[in-house]
N, C-alpha and C. Protein backbone atom coordinates (compact mmCIF):
# COMPACT_ATOMS: atom_id res chain seq x y z
N MET A 1 0.84 -1.17 0.00
CA MET A 1 0.00 0.00 0.00
C MET A 1 0.90 1.24 0.00
N ALA A 2 0.67 2.16 -0.91
CA ALA A 2 1.49 3.35 -1.04
C ALA A 2 1.01 4.45 -0.08
N MET A 3 1.96 5.16 0.48
CA MET A 3 1.64 6.28 1.37
C MET A 3 1.58 7.55 0.54
N LYS A 4 0.56 8.37 0.73
CA LYS A 4 0.43 9.64 0.05
C LYS A 4 0.08 10.69 1.09
N THR A 5 0.38 11.93 0.78
CA THR A 5 0.08 13.03 1.69
C THR A 5 -1.13 13.79 1.16
N LEU A 6 -2.06 14.06 2.03
CA LEU A 6 -3.25 14.82 1.68
C LEU A 6 -3.36 15.99 2.65
N ARG A 7 -3.44 17.18 2.11
CA ARG A 7 -3.57 18.36 2.97
C ARG A 7 -5.05 18.58 3.28
N VAL A 8 -5.34 18.79 4.55
CA VAL A 8 -6.72 19.03 4.98
C VAL A 8 -6.75 20.20 5.96
N ARG A 9 -7.94 20.72 6.16
CA ARG A 9 -8.13 21.79 7.15
C ARG A 9 -9.29 21.37 8.03
N VAL A 10 -9.24 21.74 9.30
CA VAL A 10 -10.33 21.43 10.21
C VAL A 10 -11.32 22.58 10.14
N HIS A 11 -12.58 22.25 9.86
CA HIS A 11 -13.64 23.26 9.79
C HIS A 11 -14.88 22.67 10.45
N ALA A 12 -15.34 23.33 11.50
CA ALA A 12 -16.52 22.89 12.25
C ALA A 12 -16.37 21.45 12.71
N GLY A 13 -15.17 21.09 13.14
CA GLY A 13 -14.91 19.77 13.67
C GLY A 13 -14.76 18.67 12.62
N ARG A 14 -14.73 19.04 11.36
CA ARG A 14 -14.58 18.05 10.28
C ARG A 14 -13.33 18.36 9.47
N LEU A 15 -12.78 17.33 8.86
CA LEU A 15 -11.62 17.50 7.99
C LEU A 15 -12.09 17.79 6.57
N GLU A 16 -11.64 18.92 6.03
CA GLU A 16 -11.97 19.28 4.66
C GLU A 16 -10.71 19.19 3.82
N PRO A 17 -10.72 18.38 2.76
CA PRO A 17 -9.54 18.26 1.91
C PRO A 17 -9.22 19.57 1.21
N LEU A 18 -7.94 19.92 1.16
CA LEU A 18 -7.48 21.09 0.41
C LEU A 18 -7.07 20.67 -1.00
N ASP A 19 -6.83 19.40 -1.20
CA ASP A 19 -6.44 18.86 -2.49
C ASP A 19 -7.58 18.00 -3.03
N THR A 20 -7.55 17.80 -4.34
CA THR A 20 -8.56 16.93 -4.97
C THR A 20 -8.26 15.47 -4.60
N LEU A 21 -9.31 14.78 -4.19
CA LEU A 21 -9.17 13.36 -3.84
C LEU A 21 -9.42 12.50 -5.07
N VAL A 22 -8.49 11.61 -5.35
CA VAL A 22 -8.68 10.65 -6.44
C VAL A 22 -8.68 9.27 -5.79
N LEU A 23 -9.81 8.96 -5.18
CA LEU A 23 -9.97 7.69 -4.47
C LEU A 23 -11.31 7.07 -4.85
N PRO A 24 -11.33 5.77 -4.95
CA PRO A 24 -12.62 5.12 -5.20
C PRO A 24 -13.56 5.31 -4.02
N GLU A 25 -14.84 5.42 -4.28
CA GLU A 25 -15.85 5.58 -3.23
C GLU A 25 -15.71 4.44 -2.22
N GLY A 26 -15.75 4.78 -0.94
CA GLY A 26 -15.69 3.78 0.11
C GLY A 26 -14.27 3.47 0.58
N THR A 27 -13.26 4.10 -0.02
CA THR A 27 -11.88 3.87 0.39
C THR A 27 -11.68 4.37 1.82
N GLU A 28 -11.06 3.56 2.64
CA GLU A 28 -10.75 3.97 4.01
C GLU A 28 -9.34 4.54 4.05
N VAL A 29 -9.16 5.59 4.80
CA VAL A 29 -7.84 6.20 4.96
C VAL A 29 -7.52 6.28 6.44
N GLU A 30 -6.24 6.27 6.76
CA GLU A 30 -5.77 6.39 8.13
C GLU A 30 -5.13 7.76 8.26
N VAL A 31 -5.54 8.51 9.26
CA VAL A 31 -5.06 9.88 9.44
C VAL A 31 -4.12 9.95 10.62
N HIS A 32 -2.94 10.55 10.42
CA HIS A 32 -1.97 10.82 11.49
C HIS A 32 -1.83 12.34 11.57
N PHE A 33 -1.90 12.90 12.75
CA PHE A 33 -1.76 14.36 12.86
C PHE A 33 -1.03 14.71 14.14
N GLN A 34 -0.56 15.95 14.14
CA GLN A 34 0.13 16.48 15.32
C GLN A 34 -0.71 17.62 15.86
N THR A 35 -0.92 17.62 17.15
CA THR A 35 -1.63 18.74 17.76
C THR A 35 -0.63 19.82 18.11
N PRO A 36 -1.03 21.08 17.95
CA PRO A 36 -0.11 22.16 18.34
C PRO A 36 0.19 22.07 19.82
N THR A 37 1.44 22.28 20.18
CA THR A 37 1.82 22.22 21.59
C THR A 37 2.01 23.64 22.12
N VAL A 38 1.65 23.83 23.36
CA VAL A 38 1.83 25.11 24.02
C VAL A 38 3.01 24.95 24.97
N ALA A 39 3.93 25.87 24.89
CA ALA A 39 5.11 25.80 25.75
C ALA A 39 4.72 26.08 27.20
N SER A 40 5.37 25.39 28.10
CA SER A 40 5.12 25.61 29.52
C SER A 40 5.74 26.94 29.94
N PRO A 41 5.26 27.52 31.02
CA PRO A 41 5.86 28.78 31.50
C PRO A 41 7.36 28.65 31.75
N MET A 42 7.81 27.50 32.23
CA MET A 42 9.25 27.33 32.50
C MET A 42 10.05 27.32 31.19
N THR A 43 9.49 26.75 30.13
CA THR A 43 10.17 26.75 28.84
C THR A 43 10.30 28.18 28.32
N VAL A 44 9.23 28.96 28.45
CA VAL A 44 9.27 30.35 28.00
C VAL A 44 10.29 31.14 28.80
N LEU A 45 10.30 30.97 30.13
CA LEU A 45 11.25 31.69 30.97
C LEU A 45 12.69 31.32 30.65
N SER A 46 12.98 30.05 30.42
CA SER A 46 14.36 29.67 30.13
C SER A 46 14.78 30.19 28.76
N ALA A 47 13.85 30.27 27.81
CA ALA A 47 14.19 30.84 26.50
C ALA A 47 14.47 32.34 26.63
N MET A 48 13.71 33.02 27.49
CA MET A 48 13.93 34.45 27.68
C MET A 48 15.25 34.73 28.40
N ARG A 49 15.63 33.83 29.30
CA ARG A 49 16.86 34.03 30.08
C ARG A 49 18.11 33.59 29.34
N ALA A 50 17.96 32.81 28.28
CA ALA A 50 19.13 32.32 27.54
C ALA A 50 19.79 33.49 26.82
N LEU A 51 21.10 33.50 26.87
CA LEU A 51 21.83 34.57 26.20
C LEU A 51 21.82 34.35 24.69
N PRO A 52 21.52 35.40 23.93
CA PRO A 52 21.54 35.24 22.48
C PRO A 52 22.97 35.18 21.96
N ASP A 53 23.15 34.61 20.80
CA ASP A 53 24.46 34.52 20.17
C ASP A 53 24.68 35.80 19.36
N ILE A 54 25.38 36.76 19.95
CA ILE A 54 25.58 38.07 19.33
C ILE A 54 27.04 38.22 18.93
N ASP A 55 27.24 38.76 17.75
CA ASP A 55 28.58 39.03 17.25
C ASP A 55 29.21 40.15 18.08
N PRO A 56 30.43 39.98 18.61
CA PRO A 56 31.07 41.02 19.42
C PRO A 56 31.19 42.36 18.69
N ALA A 57 31.32 42.34 17.37
CA ALA A 57 31.40 43.60 16.62
C ALA A 57 30.09 44.37 16.73
N SER A 58 28.98 43.67 16.79
CA SER A 58 27.68 44.33 16.94
C SER A 58 27.56 44.99 18.30
N ILE A 59 28.11 44.35 19.32
CA ILE A 59 28.08 44.93 20.66
C ILE A 59 28.92 46.20 20.69
N ASP A 60 30.10 46.16 20.07
CA ASP A 60 30.95 47.35 20.01
C ASP A 60 30.25 48.50 19.28
N GLU A 61 29.58 48.17 18.18
CA GLU A 61 28.87 49.19 17.41
C GLU A 61 27.73 49.80 18.23
N LEU A 62 27.00 48.96 18.96
CA LEU A 62 25.91 49.45 19.80
C LEU A 62 26.44 50.38 20.88
N GLU A 63 27.54 50.01 21.52
CA GLU A 63 28.13 50.86 22.56
C GLU A 63 28.58 52.20 21.99
N GLN A 64 29.12 52.21 20.78
CA GLN A 64 29.54 53.46 20.15
C GLN A 64 28.34 54.35 19.84
N VAL A 65 27.26 53.76 19.36
CA VAL A 65 26.06 54.53 19.05
C VAL A 65 25.44 55.11 20.31
N ILE A 66 25.43 54.33 21.39
CA ILE A 66 24.90 54.82 22.66
C ILE A 66 25.75 55.99 23.16
N GLU A 67 27.05 55.84 23.09
CA GLU A 67 27.95 56.91 23.54
C GLU A 67 27.75 58.18 22.72
N ALA A 68 27.61 58.04 21.40
CA ALA A 68 27.43 59.21 20.52
C ALA A 68 26.08 59.89 20.77
N GLY A 69 25.10 59.16 21.26
CA GLY A 69 23.78 59.73 21.47
C GLY A 69 23.56 60.35 22.83
N LYS A 70 24.56 60.28 23.71
CA LYS A 70 24.39 60.83 25.06
C LYS A 70 24.33 62.35 25.01
N LEU A 71 23.45 62.90 25.85
CA LEU A 71 23.33 64.35 25.97
C LEU A 71 24.11 64.82 27.19
N PRO A 72 24.59 66.06 27.14
CA PRO A 72 25.34 66.56 28.30
C PRO A 72 24.44 66.68 29.53
N VAL A 73 25.04 66.47 30.69
CA VAL A 73 24.30 66.57 31.95
C VAL A 73 24.32 68.02 32.39
N ARG A 74 23.16 68.51 32.80
CA ARG A 74 23.07 69.89 33.28
C ARG A 74 22.79 69.86 34.76
N SER A 75 23.46 70.73 35.49
CA SER A 75 23.25 70.76 36.95
C SER A 75 22.09 71.66 37.33
N GLU A 76 21.61 72.48 36.40
CA GLU A 76 20.45 73.32 36.70
C GLU A 76 19.25 72.82 35.92
N SER A 77 18.07 73.09 36.46
CA SER A 77 16.85 72.67 35.78
C SER A 77 16.28 73.86 35.02
N ILE A 78 15.28 73.61 34.23
CA ILE A 78 14.64 74.68 33.47
C ILE A 78 13.98 75.69 34.42
N PHE A 79 13.58 75.23 35.60
CA PHE A 79 12.95 76.12 36.56
C PHE A 79 13.96 77.09 37.15
N ASP A 80 15.23 76.65 37.27
CA ASP A 80 16.28 77.57 37.76
C ASP A 80 16.49 78.69 36.75
N ARG A 81 16.41 78.40 35.45
CA ARG A 81 16.64 79.41 34.43
C ARG A 81 15.47 80.41 34.39
N LEU A 82 14.28 80.01 34.74
CA LEU A 82 13.12 80.91 34.73
C LEU A 82 13.16 81.92 35.87
N LYS A 83 13.86 81.62 36.98
CA LYS A 83 13.94 82.52 38.13
C LYS A 83 14.79 83.74 37.82
N ALA A 84 15.74 83.62 36.94
CA ALA A 84 16.67 84.71 36.68
C ALA A 84 16.07 85.82 35.86
């Protein structure tokens, strides 16, 4: 017996073929499927805590851009300038 792949979609609890079926009437088929899995909270947390693989050159570039974007620190506030 030859194995073939048939694409289907679930609609209102029934399987609807996405491809044309070329089967004799009454043919029985066996369906294997995978249910979508939901990650556990611990899996999500460990993925968030894992360090990404970043190129050191990218880190250097980011640090340079941050340094270039810094504004000077002022010891007086705008309210001090309004008093004068």
